[in-house]
Amino acid sequence: MKVSRRTSLAAAALVVVLLAGLAALAGSGTSQASPKAGNATFLAALVSDVGKFNDRSFNQSQLEGLKRAKKQLKINILPLQSNSTSDYTPNFNTAVRSHANITIAAGFLLADTLETIADQFPDTKFAITDYCAKGAAKKCITGSVLT
């Protein structure tokens, strides 16, 4: 599936904006500024679908946005490439075990797996692009963020 450049740029921008907002929220939870402000403590994970990160489309543009967020927001990133659908669950579990502050699913192909994982880890923040995320209440969550 070929995605337009405009859509790819919008997806990359969405990742950066989403991460900026979440990084700000994570930083607001502390009562004092860290003396080592240059050290990143926010971890954002991105799980690709089977298109992989070199698809010249949706997965690749989201990875580019994640890398831009790392550079501009000084966060840590964890890109997890899925080479087959059987990689989806292990990749989400890796993100959870790594204590990612947010785990982003790169598109609708990951929706079913994401909903299963999100139900198993209700205190973990998940997001999905190009799909309406549903949490335990099974209703669409505005902004496609599962909390």
N, C-alpha and C. Protein backbone atom coordinates (compact mmCIF):
# COMPACT_ATOMS: atom_id res chain seq x y z
N MET A 1 0.84 -1.18 0.00
CA MET A 1 0.00 0.00 0.00
C MET A 1 0.89 1.24 0.00
N LYS A 2 0.68 2.12 -0.94
CA LYS A 2 1.44 3.35 -1.07
C LYS A 2 0.71 4.46 -0.29
N VAL A 3 1.44 5.14 0.57
CA VAL A 3 0.87 6.22 1.36
C VAL A 3 1.45 7.53 0.85
N SER A 4 0.63 8.55 0.73
CA SER A 4 1.10 9.82 0.21
C SER A 4 2.12 10.45 1.15
N ARG A 5 2.95 11.30 0.59
CA ARG A 5 3.96 12.00 1.39
C ARG A 5 3.29 12.84 2.47
N ARG A 6 2.16 13.44 2.13
CA ARG A 6 1.44 14.27 3.09
C ARG A 6 0.98 13.42 4.28
N THR A 7 0.47 12.22 4.02
CA THR A 7 0.02 11.33 5.09
C THR A 7 1.21 10.88 5.93
N SER A 8 2.32 10.57 5.28
CA SER A 8 3.52 10.16 6.01
C SER A 8 4.03 11.27 6.92
N LEU A 9 4.06 12.49 6.40
CA LEU A 9 4.49 13.62 7.22
C LEU A 9 3.53 13.86 8.37
N ALA A 10 2.25 13.69 8.13
CA ALA A 10 1.26 13.87 9.19
C ALA A 10 1.45 12.81 10.28
N ALA A 11 1.74 11.57 9.89
CA ALA A 11 1.98 10.51 10.87
C ALA A 11 3.22 10.81 11.70
N ALA A 12 4.28 11.25 11.05
CA ALA A 12 5.51 11.60 11.78
C ALA A 12 5.27 12.75 12.73
N ALA A 13 4.54 13.75 12.27
CA ALA A 13 4.23 14.90 13.13
C ALA A 13 3.36 14.48 14.31
N LEU A 14 2.42 13.57 14.07
CA LEU A 14 1.57 13.08 15.13
C LEU A 14 2.39 12.40 16.22
N VAL A 15 3.36 11.59 15.83
CA VAL A 15 4.21 10.91 16.80
C VAL A 15 4.96 11.94 17.64
N VAL A 16 5.53 12.96 17.01
CA VAL A 16 6.29 13.98 17.73
C VAL A 16 5.38 14.73 18.70
N VAL A 17 4.21 15.15 18.24
CA VAL A 17 3.28 15.89 19.10
C VAL A 17 2.81 15.03 20.26
N LEU A 18 2.46 13.78 19.98
CA LEU A 18 2.03 12.87 21.03
C LEU A 18 3.11 12.68 22.08
N LEU A 19 4.33 12.47 21.63
CA LEU A 19 5.43 12.27 22.58
C LEU A 19 5.75 13.53 23.35
N ALA A 20 5.66 14.68 22.72
CA ALA A 20 5.91 15.94 23.41
C ALA A 20 4.91 16.13 24.54
N GLY A 21 3.65 15.87 24.25
CA GLY A 21 2.62 16.00 25.28
C GLY A 21 2.83 15.03 26.42
N LEU A 22 3.15 13.79 26.10
CA LEU A 22 3.36 12.79 27.15
C LEU A 22 4.63 13.06 27.94
N ALA A 23 5.67 13.55 27.28
CA ALA A 23 6.89 13.90 28.00
C ALA A 23 6.62 15.04 28.97
N ALA A 24 5.82 16.00 28.56
CA ALA A 24 5.47 17.11 29.44
C ALA A 24 4.68 16.61 30.64
N LEU A 25 3.74 15.70 30.41
CA LEU A 25 2.97 15.14 31.51
C LEU A 25 3.85 14.35 32.46
N ALA A 26 4.76 13.57 31.91
CA ALA A 26 5.65 12.77 32.75
C ALA A 26 6.54 13.68 33.58
N GLY A 27 7.00 14.77 32.99
CA GLY A 27 7.86 15.71 33.72
C GLY A 27 7.12 16.49 34.77
N SER A 28 5.81 16.70 34.60
CA SER A 28 5.05 17.49 35.56
C SER A 28 4.74 16.72 36.83
N GLY A 29 5.01 15.43 36.84
CA GLY A 29 4.73 14.62 38.01
C GLY A 29 5.78 14.74 39.10
N THR A 30 6.89 15.39 38.83
CA THR A 30 7.93 15.54 39.83
C THR A 30 7.83 16.90 40.49
N SER A 31 8.19 16.96 41.76
CA SER A 31 8.06 18.21 42.49
C SER A 31 9.25 19.13 42.29
N GLN A 32 10.40 18.61 41.88
CA GLN A 32 11.55 19.47 41.62
C GLN A 32 12.23 19.06 40.33
N ALA A 33 12.93 19.99 39.76
CA ALA A 33 13.66 19.70 38.52
C ALA A 33 14.84 18.80 38.84
N SER A 34 15.15 17.93 37.92
CA SER A 34 16.27 17.04 38.09
C SER A 34 17.57 17.79 37.91
N PRO A 35 18.57 17.55 38.78
CA PRO A 35 19.85 18.22 38.60
C PRO A 35 20.56 17.77 37.33
N LYS A 36 20.20 16.61 36.80
CA LYS A 36 20.78 16.10 35.57
C LYS A 36 19.75 16.20 34.47
N ALA A 37 19.35 17.42 34.15
CA ALA A 37 18.27 17.63 33.19
C ALA A 37 18.58 17.06 31.81
N GLY A 38 19.84 16.85 31.48
CA GLY A 38 20.20 16.33 30.17
C GLY A 38 19.97 14.84 30.02
N ASN A 39 19.74 14.13 31.11
CA ASN A 39 19.54 12.69 31.05
C ASN A 39 18.08 12.37 30.76
N ALA A 40 17.85 11.64 29.69
CA ALA A 40 16.49 11.28 29.32
C ALA A 40 15.96 10.20 30.25
N THR A 41 14.75 10.39 30.73
CA THR A 41 14.12 9.37 31.56
C THR A 41 12.83 8.86 30.93
N PHE A 42 12.34 9.53 29.91
CA PHE A 42 11.11 9.14 29.24
C PHE A 42 11.47 8.15 28.13
N LEU A 43 10.78 7.02 28.11
CA LEU A 43 11.03 6.00 27.10
C LEU A 43 9.78 5.80 26.26
N ALA A 44 9.92 6.00 24.96
CA ALA A 44 8.82 5.79 24.02
C ALA A 44 9.17 4.59 23.13
N ALA A 45 8.28 3.61 23.10
CA ALA A 45 8.47 2.43 22.25
C ALA A 45 7.54 2.52 21.05
N LEU A 46 8.00 2.03 19.93
CA LEU A 46 7.20 1.99 18.70
C LEU A 46 7.28 0.58 18.14
N VAL A 47 6.12 -0.06 17.98
CA VAL A 47 6.05 -1.40 17.42
C VAL A 47 5.57 -1.29 15.98
N SER A 48 6.38 -1.79 15.04
CA SER A 48 5.99 -1.74 13.63
C SER A 48 5.02 -2.88 13.33
N ASP A 49 4.31 -2.75 12.21
CA ASP A 49 3.55 -3.90 11.72
C ASP A 49 4.47 -4.67 10.77
N VAL A 50 3.94 -5.63 10.04
CA VAL A 50 4.77 -6.48 9.19
C VAL A 50 5.39 -5.75 8.01
N GLY A 51 5.01 -4.50 7.79
CA GLY A 51 5.62 -3.70 6.73
C GLY A 51 7.05 -3.32 7.05
N LYS A 52 7.44 -3.44 8.30
CA LYS A 52 8.79 -3.15 8.80
C LYS A 52 9.10 -1.66 8.69
N PHE A 53 10.19 -1.25 9.31
CA PHE A 53 10.56 0.16 9.37
C PHE A 53 11.16 0.70 8.08
N ASN A 54 11.43 -0.15 7.12
CA ASN A 54 11.99 0.33 5.84
C ASN A 54 10.95 0.27 4.73
N ASP A 55 9.67 0.43 5.07
CA ASP A 55 8.60 0.27 4.08
C ASP A 55 8.37 1.50 3.20
N ARG A 56 9.13 2.57 3.42
CA ARG A 56 8.96 3.83 2.68
C ARG A 56 7.53 4.33 2.78
N SER A 57 6.91 4.06 3.91
CA SER A 57 5.52 4.42 4.11
C SER A 57 5.26 4.68 5.58
N PHE A 58 4.17 4.12 6.06
CA PHE A 58 3.64 4.43 7.39
C PHE A 58 4.61 4.08 8.51
N ASN A 59 5.14 2.88 8.54
CA ASN A 59 6.06 2.47 9.60
C ASN A 59 7.31 3.35 9.60
N GLN A 60 7.86 3.57 8.43
CA GLN A 60 9.09 4.35 8.30
C GLN A 60 8.88 5.79 8.76
N SER A 61 7.76 6.39 8.37
CA SER A 61 7.52 7.79 8.75
C SER A 61 7.32 7.91 10.27
N GLN A 62 6.72 6.91 10.88
CA GLN A 62 6.57 6.96 12.34
C GLN A 62 7.91 6.79 13.04
N LEU A 63 8.76 5.93 12.50
CA LEU A 63 10.10 5.80 13.08
C LEU A 63 10.87 7.10 12.94
N GLU A 64 10.75 7.76 11.80
CA GLU A 64 11.41 9.06 11.62
C GLU A 64 10.90 10.08 12.64
N GLY A 65 9.59 10.07 12.89
CA GLY A 65 9.03 10.96 13.91
C GLY A 65 9.55 10.62 15.30
N LEU A 66 9.69 9.34 15.60
CA LEU A 66 10.22 8.91 16.88
C LEU A 66 11.67 9.37 17.05
N LYS A 67 12.45 9.23 15.99
CA LYS A 67 13.85 9.69 16.05
C LYS A 67 13.93 11.20 16.20
N ARG A 68 13.01 11.92 15.55
CA ARG A 68 12.96 13.37 15.69
C ARG A 68 12.61 13.74 17.14
N ALA A 69 11.69 13.01 17.74
CA ALA A 69 11.33 13.25 19.13
C ALA A 69 12.52 13.00 20.05
N LYS A 70 13.30 11.97 19.75
CA LYS A 70 14.50 11.68 20.55
C LYS A 70 15.45 12.87 20.51
N LYS A 71 15.66 13.39 19.32
CA LYS A 71 16.59 14.50 19.16
C LYS A 71 16.05 15.79 19.78
N GLN A 72 14.80 16.12 19.49
CA GLN A 72 14.25 17.40 19.93
C GLN A 72 13.81 17.40 21.39
N LEU A 73 13.30 16.27 21.87
CA LEU A 73 12.76 16.20 23.22
C LEU A 73 13.71 15.52 24.20
N LYS A 74 14.81 14.99 23.69
CA LYS A 74 15.81 14.32 24.52
C LYS A 74 15.22 13.13 25.28
N ILE A 75 14.43 12.31 24.58
CA ILE A 75 13.84 11.12 25.19
C ILE A 75 14.60 9.89 24.71
N ASN A 76 14.38 8.79 25.39
CA ASN A 76 14.90 7.50 24.94
C ASN A 76 13.84 6.84 24.07
N ILE A 77 14.28 6.10 23.06
CA ILE A 77 13.34 5.43 22.17
C ILE A 77 13.66 3.95 22.08
N LEU A 78 12.62 3.18 21.80
CA LEU A 78 12.76 1.73 21.65
C LEU A 78 11.95 1.29 20.43
N PRO A 79 12.56 1.33 19.24
CA PRO A 79 11.85 0.85 18.05
C PRO A 79 11.90 -0.68 18.02
N LEU A 80 10.73 -1.31 17.85
CA LEU A 80 10.62 -2.76 17.84
C LEU A 80 10.00 -3.19 16.51
N GLN A 81 10.83 -3.77 15.66
CA GLN A 81 10.36 -4.17 14.33
C GLN A 81 9.71 -5.55 14.37
N SER A 82 8.56 -5.65 13.74
CA SER A 82 7.86 -6.93 13.61
C SER A 82 8.13 -7.49 12.21
N ASN A 83 8.79 -8.62 12.16
CA ASN A 83 9.08 -9.27 10.87
C ASN A 83 7.94 -10.17 10.44
N SER A 84 7.08 -10.56 11.37
CA SER A 84 5.87 -11.35 11.08
C SER A 84 4.84 -11.03 12.15
N THR A 85 3.61 -11.45 11.93
CA THR A 85 2.57 -11.17 12.90
C THR A 85 2.85 -11.84 14.24
N SER A 86 3.62 -12.92 14.23
CA SER A 86 3.95 -13.60 15.48
C SER A 86 4.91 -12.78 16.35
N ASP A 87 5.46 -11.70 15.81
CA ASP A 87 6.33 -10.81 16.59
C ASP A 87 5.55 -9.75 17.36
N TYR A 88 4.28 -9.55 17.04
CA TYR A 88 3.51 -8.47 17.67
C TYR A 88 3.47 -8.59 19.19
N THR A 89 3.01 -9.71 19.70
CA THR A 89 2.89 -9.87 21.15
C THR A 89 4.25 -9.79 21.85
N PRO A 90 5.28 -10.51 21.38
CA PRO A 90 6.58 -10.37 22.04
C PRO A 90 7.12 -8.94 22.02
N ASN A 91 6.88 -8.21 20.92
CA ASN A 91 7.36 -6.82 20.86
C ASN A 91 6.64 -5.94 21.87
N PHE A 92 5.32 -6.09 21.99
CA PHE A 92 4.59 -5.32 23.01
C PHE A 92 5.05 -5.70 24.40
N ASN A 93 5.28 -6.99 24.64
CA ASN A 93 5.77 -7.43 25.95
C ASN A 93 7.15 -6.87 26.25
N THR A 94 8.01 -6.78 25.24
CA THR A 94 9.33 -6.17 25.43
C THR A 94 9.19 -4.71 25.86
N ALA A 95 8.29 -3.99 25.22
CA ALA A 95 8.07 -2.59 25.58
C ALA A 95 7.58 -2.46 27.02
N VAL A 96 6.64 -3.31 27.41
CA VAL A 96 6.11 -3.27 28.78
C VAL A 96 7.22 -3.62 29.78
N ARG A 97 7.98 -4.68 29.51
CA ARG A 97 9.06 -5.09 30.41
C ARG A 97 10.17 -4.03 30.50
N SER A 98 10.30 -3.23 29.44
CA SER A 98 11.30 -2.16 29.43
C SER A 98 10.80 -0.91 30.13
N HIS A 99 9.58 -0.96 30.64
CA HIS A 99 8.94 0.16 31.35
C HIS A 99 8.80 1.39 30.47
N ALA A 100 8.41 1.18 29.22
CA ALA A 100 8.17 2.32 28.32
C ALA A 100 7.05 3.18 28.91
N ASN A 101 7.25 4.49 28.84
CA ASN A 101 6.21 5.41 29.31
C ASN A 101 5.01 5.41 28.36
N ILE A 102 5.27 5.12 27.11
CA ILE A 102 4.20 4.92 26.12
C ILE A 102 4.70 3.94 25.08
N THR A 103 3.78 3.11 24.63
CA THR A 103 4.08 2.18 23.55
C THR A 103 3.10 2.49 22.42
N ILE A 104 3.65 2.78 21.25
CA ILE A 104 2.85 3.17 20.10
C ILE A 104 2.80 2.02 19.10
N ALA A 105 1.59 1.66 18.70
CA ALA A 105 1.38 0.65 17.67
C ALA A 105 1.27 1.37 16.34
N ALA A 106 2.08 0.96 15.37
CA ALA A 106 2.16 1.66 14.08
C ALA A 106 1.09 1.18 13.10
N GLY A 107 -0.16 1.37 13.45
CA GLY A 107 -1.20 1.11 12.47
C GLY A 107 -2.20 0.03 12.85
N PHE A 108 -3.25 -0.03 12.05
CA PHE A 108 -4.42 -0.86 12.34
C PHE A 108 -4.14 -2.35 12.36
N LEU A 109 -3.08 -2.82 11.69
CA LEU A 109 -2.78 -4.25 11.70
C LEU A 109 -2.44 -4.75 13.11
N LEU A 110 -2.05 -3.84 13.99
CA LEU A 110 -1.68 -4.20 15.36
C LEU A 110 -2.84 -4.06 16.34
N ALA A 111 -4.00 -3.64 15.87
CA ALA A 111 -5.12 -3.29 16.75
C ALA A 111 -5.56 -4.43 17.67
N ASP A 112 -5.79 -5.60 17.13
CA ASP A 112 -6.27 -6.71 17.95
C ASP A 112 -5.26 -7.09 19.03
N THR A 113 -4.00 -7.18 18.65
CA THR A 113 -2.95 -7.52 19.62
C THR A 113 -2.82 -6.42 20.66
N LEU A 114 -2.87 -5.16 20.23
CA LEU A 114 -2.76 -4.05 21.16
C LEU A 114 -3.89 -4.08 22.19
N GLU A 115 -5.11 -4.34 21.75
CA GLU A 115 -6.22 -4.38 22.69
C GLU A 115 -6.05 -5.50 23.71
N THR A 116 -5.56 -6.65 23.28
CA THR A 116 -5.31 -7.75 24.21
C THR A 116 -4.24 -7.38 25.22
N ILE A 117 -3.13 -6.81 24.74
CA ILE A 117 -2.02 -6.43 25.64
C ILE A 117 -2.46 -5.31 26.58
N ALA A 118 -3.18 -4.33 26.06
CA ALA A 118 -3.63 -3.21 26.89
C ALA A 118 -4.54 -3.69 28.02
N ASP A 119 -5.37 -4.68 27.75
CA ASP A 119 -6.22 -5.23 28.81
C ASP A 119 -5.38 -5.96 29.87
N GLN A 120 -4.26 -6.55 29.47
CA GLN A 120 -3.39 -7.26 30.41
C GLN A 120 -2.56 -6.31 31.27
N PHE A 121 -2.30 -5.10 30.74
CA PHE A 121 -1.47 -4.13 31.44
C PHE A 121 -2.21 -2.79 31.54
N PRO A 122 -3.23 -2.72 32.39
CA PRO A 122 -4.08 -1.53 32.45
C PRO A 122 -3.37 -0.27 32.94
N ASP A 123 -2.23 -0.39 33.59
CA ASP A 123 -1.51 0.78 34.09
C ASP A 123 -0.46 1.29 33.11
N THR A 124 -0.38 0.67 31.95
CA THR A 124 0.59 1.05 30.93
C THR A 124 -0.11 1.90 29.87
N LYS A 125 0.59 2.90 29.35
CA LYS A 125 0.02 3.78 28.33
C LYS A 125 0.36 3.25 26.94
N PHE A 126 -0.67 3.13 26.11
CA PHE A 126 -0.54 2.67 24.74
C PHE A 126 -1.22 3.66 23.82
N ALA A 127 -0.73 3.72 22.59
CA ALA A 127 -1.37 4.53 21.56
C ALA A 127 -1.30 3.75 20.25
N ILE A 128 -2.20 4.10 19.34
CA ILE A 128 -2.18 3.47 18.02
C ILE A 128 -2.50 4.54 16.98
N THR A 129 -1.84 4.45 15.85
CA THR A 129 -2.12 5.38 14.76
C THR A 129 -2.96 4.68 13.71
N ASP A 130 -3.78 5.46 13.04
CA ASP A 130 -4.58 4.97 11.93
C ASP A 130 -5.66 3.98 12.35
N TYR A 131 -6.13 4.11 13.60
CA TYR A 131 -7.16 3.21 14.09
C TYR A 131 -7.74 3.81 15.36
N CYS A 132 -8.95 3.45 15.68
CA CYS A 132 -9.59 3.90 16.92
C CYS A 132 -9.25 2.90 18.01
N ALA A 133 -8.48 3.33 18.98
CA ALA A 133 -8.09 2.45 20.08
C ALA A 133 -9.26 2.25 21.03
N LYS A 134 -9.36 1.04 21.55
CA LYS A 134 -10.42 0.73 22.52
C LYS A 134 -9.77 0.12 23.74
N GLY A 135 -10.19 0.57 24.89
CA GLY A 135 -9.66 0.04 26.14
C GLY A 135 -10.62 -0.98 26.73
N ALA A 136 -10.47 -1.21 28.04
CA ALA A 136 -11.29 -2.20 28.72
C ALA A 136 -12.79 -1.89 28.59
N ALA A 137 -13.13 -0.60 28.48
CA ALA A 137 -14.54 -0.21 28.35
C ALA A 137 -15.06 -0.46 26.94
N LYS A 138 -14.19 -0.82 26.02
CA LYS A 138 -14.53 -1.11 24.62
C LYS A 138 -15.23 0.05 23.92
N LYS A 139 -14.77 1.25 24.23
CA LYS A 139 -15.28 2.43 23.52
C LYS A 139 -14.10 3.15 22.91
N CYS A 140 -14.36 3.87 21.83
CA CYS A 140 -13.29 4.59 21.17
C CYS A 140 -12.77 5.69 22.08
N ILE A 141 -11.47 5.77 22.21
CA ILE A 141 -10.86 6.77 23.07
C ILE A 141 -10.30 7.87 22.20
N THR A 142 -10.78 9.09 22.40
CA THR A 142 -10.35 10.23 21.60
C THR A 142 -8.85 10.39 21.69
N GLY A 143 -8.22 10.64 20.54
CA GLY A 143 -6.77 10.78 20.49
C GLY A 143 -6.08 9.44 20.34
N SER A 144 -6.83 8.36 20.35
CA SER A 144 -6.29 7.01 20.16
C SER A 144 -5.20 6.66 21.15
N VAL A 145 -5.37 7.05 22.40
CA VAL A 145 -4.42 6.71 23.46
C VAL A 145 -5.13 5.82 24.46
N LEU A 146 -4.58 4.65 24.72
CA LEU A 146 -5.11 3.79 25.76
C LEU A 146 -4.39 4.07 27.06
N THR A 147 -5.13 4.40 28.09
CA THR A 147 -4.49 4.68 29.38
C THR A 147 -4.98 3.74 30.44
